[in-house]
N, C-alpha and C. Protein backbone atom coordinates (compact mmCIF):
# COMPACT_ATOMS: atom_id res chain seq x y z
N MET A 1 -1.97 -2.24 -8.62
CA MET A 1 -2.64 -2.08 -7.35
C MET A 1 -2.10 -0.81 -6.70
N TRP A 2 -2.96 -0.10 -6.05
CA TRP A 2 -2.60 1.13 -5.34
C TRP A 2 -2.85 0.93 -3.86
N VAL A 3 -1.95 1.44 -3.04
CA VAL A 3 -2.05 1.26 -1.60
C VAL A 3 -1.94 2.61 -0.90
N VAL A 4 -2.84 2.85 0.05
CA VAL A 4 -2.76 4.01 0.93
C VAL A 4 -2.47 3.46 2.33
N THR A 5 -1.38 3.93 2.92
CA THR A 5 -0.96 3.48 4.25
C THR A 5 -1.11 4.62 5.24
N ILE A 6 -1.78 4.35 6.35
CA ILE A 6 -1.95 5.33 7.42
C ILE A 6 -1.06 4.91 8.57
N ILE A 7 -0.23 5.83 9.04
CA ILE A 7 0.67 5.55 10.15
C ILE A 7 0.28 6.46 11.31
N ASN A 8 -0.11 5.84 12.42
CA ASN A 8 -0.47 6.59 13.61
C ASN A 8 0.58 6.32 14.68
N ALA A 9 1.71 6.99 14.57
CA ALA A 9 2.84 6.75 15.46
C ALA A 9 2.64 7.35 16.84
N TYR A 10 1.63 8.19 16.99
CA TYR A 10 1.43 8.87 18.26
C TYR A 10 0.41 8.17 19.16
N SER A 11 -0.14 7.05 18.70
CA SER A 11 -1.07 6.30 19.55
C SER A 11 -0.29 5.27 20.36
N ARG A 12 -0.94 4.69 21.32
CA ARG A 12 -0.29 3.67 22.14
C ARG A 12 0.07 2.43 21.33
N GLU A 13 -0.73 2.13 20.34
CA GLU A 13 -0.53 0.93 19.54
C GLU A 13 0.50 1.11 18.42
N ASN A 14 0.86 2.36 18.09
CA ASN A 14 1.71 2.64 16.92
C ASN A 14 1.16 1.91 15.71
N SER A 15 -0.10 2.14 15.41
CA SER A 15 -0.79 1.36 14.39
C SER A 15 -0.45 1.77 12.97
N VAL A 16 -0.49 0.78 12.09
CA VAL A 16 -0.33 0.96 10.65
C VAL A 16 -1.52 0.29 9.99
N ILE A 17 -2.23 1.04 9.16
CA ILE A 17 -3.40 0.51 8.47
C ILE A 17 -3.17 0.69 6.97
N MET A 18 -3.44 -0.36 6.20
CA MET A 18 -3.24 -0.29 4.75
C MET A 18 -4.56 -0.56 4.03
N PHE A 19 -4.83 0.26 3.01
CA PHE A 19 -6.02 0.09 2.17
C PHE A 19 -5.54 -0.18 0.75
N GLU A 20 -6.10 -1.18 0.10
CA GLU A 20 -5.73 -1.53 -1.27
C GLU A 20 -6.83 -1.10 -2.23
N PHE A 21 -6.41 -0.59 -3.41
CA PHE A 21 -7.35 -0.13 -4.43
C PHE A 21 -6.90 -0.64 -5.79
N LYS A 22 -7.88 -0.87 -6.66
CA LYS A 22 -7.55 -1.34 -8.01
C LYS A 22 -7.24 -0.19 -8.95
N THR A 23 -7.82 0.98 -8.70
CA THR A 23 -7.59 2.11 -9.59
C THR A 23 -6.91 3.26 -8.85
N GLU A 24 -6.14 4.02 -9.60
CA GLU A 24 -5.44 5.17 -9.03
C GLU A 24 -6.44 6.24 -8.59
N ARG A 25 -7.48 6.44 -9.37
CA ARG A 25 -8.48 7.46 -9.04
C ARG A 25 -9.14 7.18 -7.69
N GLU A 26 -9.55 5.94 -7.50
CA GLU A 26 -10.18 5.54 -6.24
C GLU A 26 -9.24 5.74 -5.05
N ALA A 27 -7.98 5.40 -5.24
CA ALA A 27 -6.99 5.55 -4.17
C ALA A 27 -6.73 7.02 -3.86
N LYS A 28 -6.62 7.85 -4.89
CA LYS A 28 -6.37 9.28 -4.67
C LYS A 28 -7.53 9.96 -3.94
N GLU A 29 -8.76 9.58 -4.28
CA GLU A 29 -9.92 10.16 -3.62
C GLU A 29 -9.91 9.83 -2.12
N THR A 30 -9.58 8.60 -1.80
CA THR A 30 -9.51 8.19 -0.40
C THR A 30 -8.34 8.87 0.31
N PHE A 31 -7.19 8.96 -0.37
CA PHE A 31 -6.00 9.58 0.20
C PHE A 31 -6.28 11.02 0.63
N ILE A 32 -7.01 11.75 -0.18
CA ILE A 32 -7.32 13.15 0.12
C ILE A 32 -8.20 13.24 1.37
N LYS A 33 -9.13 12.31 1.55
CA LYS A 33 -10.07 12.34 2.67
C LYS A 33 -9.44 11.93 3.99
N LEU A 34 -8.42 11.10 3.97
CA LEU A 34 -7.84 10.56 5.19
C LEU A 34 -6.94 11.57 5.89
N GLN A 35 -6.85 11.42 7.23
CA GLN A 35 -5.99 12.29 8.03
C GLN A 35 -4.82 11.49 8.59
N ASN A 36 -4.00 12.11 9.40
CA ASN A 36 -2.78 11.53 9.99
C ASN A 36 -1.68 11.41 8.95
N HIS A 37 -0.61 10.77 9.31
CA HIS A 37 0.51 10.57 8.39
C HIS A 37 0.12 9.48 7.41
N LYS A 38 0.25 9.76 6.11
CA LYS A 38 -0.20 8.81 5.12
C LYS A 38 0.79 8.71 3.97
N ILE A 39 0.79 7.55 3.33
CA ILE A 39 1.69 7.26 2.21
C ILE A 39 0.84 6.72 1.07
N PHE A 40 1.08 7.23 -0.13
CA PHE A 40 0.37 6.79 -1.33
C PHE A 40 1.38 6.07 -2.22
N SER A 41 1.10 4.82 -2.58
CA SER A 41 2.08 4.08 -3.36
C SER A 41 1.41 3.16 -4.38
N GLU A 42 2.15 2.91 -5.46
CA GLU A 42 1.71 1.97 -6.48
C GLU A 42 2.52 0.70 -6.33
N ILE A 43 1.84 -0.44 -6.34
CA ILE A 43 2.50 -1.73 -6.23
C ILE A 43 2.45 -2.39 -7.60
N ILE A 44 3.60 -2.73 -8.12
CA ILE A 44 3.67 -3.39 -9.41
C ILE A 44 4.18 -4.81 -9.18
N CYS A 45 3.35 -5.78 -9.57
CA CYS A 45 3.73 -7.18 -9.40
C CYS A 45 4.23 -7.70 -10.74
N PHE A 46 5.38 -8.30 -10.72
CA PHE A 46 5.97 -8.85 -11.94
C PHE A 46 6.31 -10.30 -11.69
N TYR A 47 5.83 -11.17 -12.55
CA TYR A 47 6.10 -12.59 -12.41
C TYR A 47 6.73 -13.09 -13.70
N ASN A 48 7.92 -13.64 -13.60
CA ASN A 48 8.61 -14.21 -14.74
C ASN A 48 8.96 -15.65 -14.39
N PRO A 49 8.23 -16.64 -14.94
CA PRO A 49 8.48 -18.03 -14.57
C PRO A 49 9.89 -18.49 -14.94
N ALA A 50 10.54 -17.86 -15.90
CA ALA A 50 11.90 -18.25 -16.28
C ALA A 50 12.91 -17.82 -15.23
N ALA A 51 12.53 -16.90 -14.36
CA ALA A 51 13.47 -16.37 -13.37
C ALA A 51 13.26 -16.99 -11.99
N THR A 52 12.51 -18.06 -11.89
CA THR A 52 12.27 -18.67 -10.58
C THR A 52 13.55 -19.35 -10.09
N LEU A 53 13.70 -19.41 -8.80
CA LEU A 53 14.89 -20.01 -8.19
C LEU A 53 14.76 -21.53 -8.14
N ALA A 54 15.83 -22.20 -8.44
CA ALA A 54 15.86 -23.66 -8.32
C ALA A 54 16.33 -24.01 -6.92
N VAL A 55 15.55 -24.82 -6.22
CA VAL A 55 15.90 -25.23 -4.86
C VAL A 55 16.36 -26.68 -4.91
N LYS A 56 17.54 -26.91 -4.33
CA LYS A 56 18.09 -28.28 -4.32
C LYS A 56 17.85 -28.94 -3.00
């Protein structure tokens, strides 16, 4: 999953908006079009059932 985060620290709300994309190409195209302070990141989800925590 790819995420583009827009940070508008200069507004009254100090808003943060996140957009999620399935492909890198789609995310990069949007990233180029957007303005303000922005962050482009890849999210890697890893699930290992053998590493789950035991709760007593």
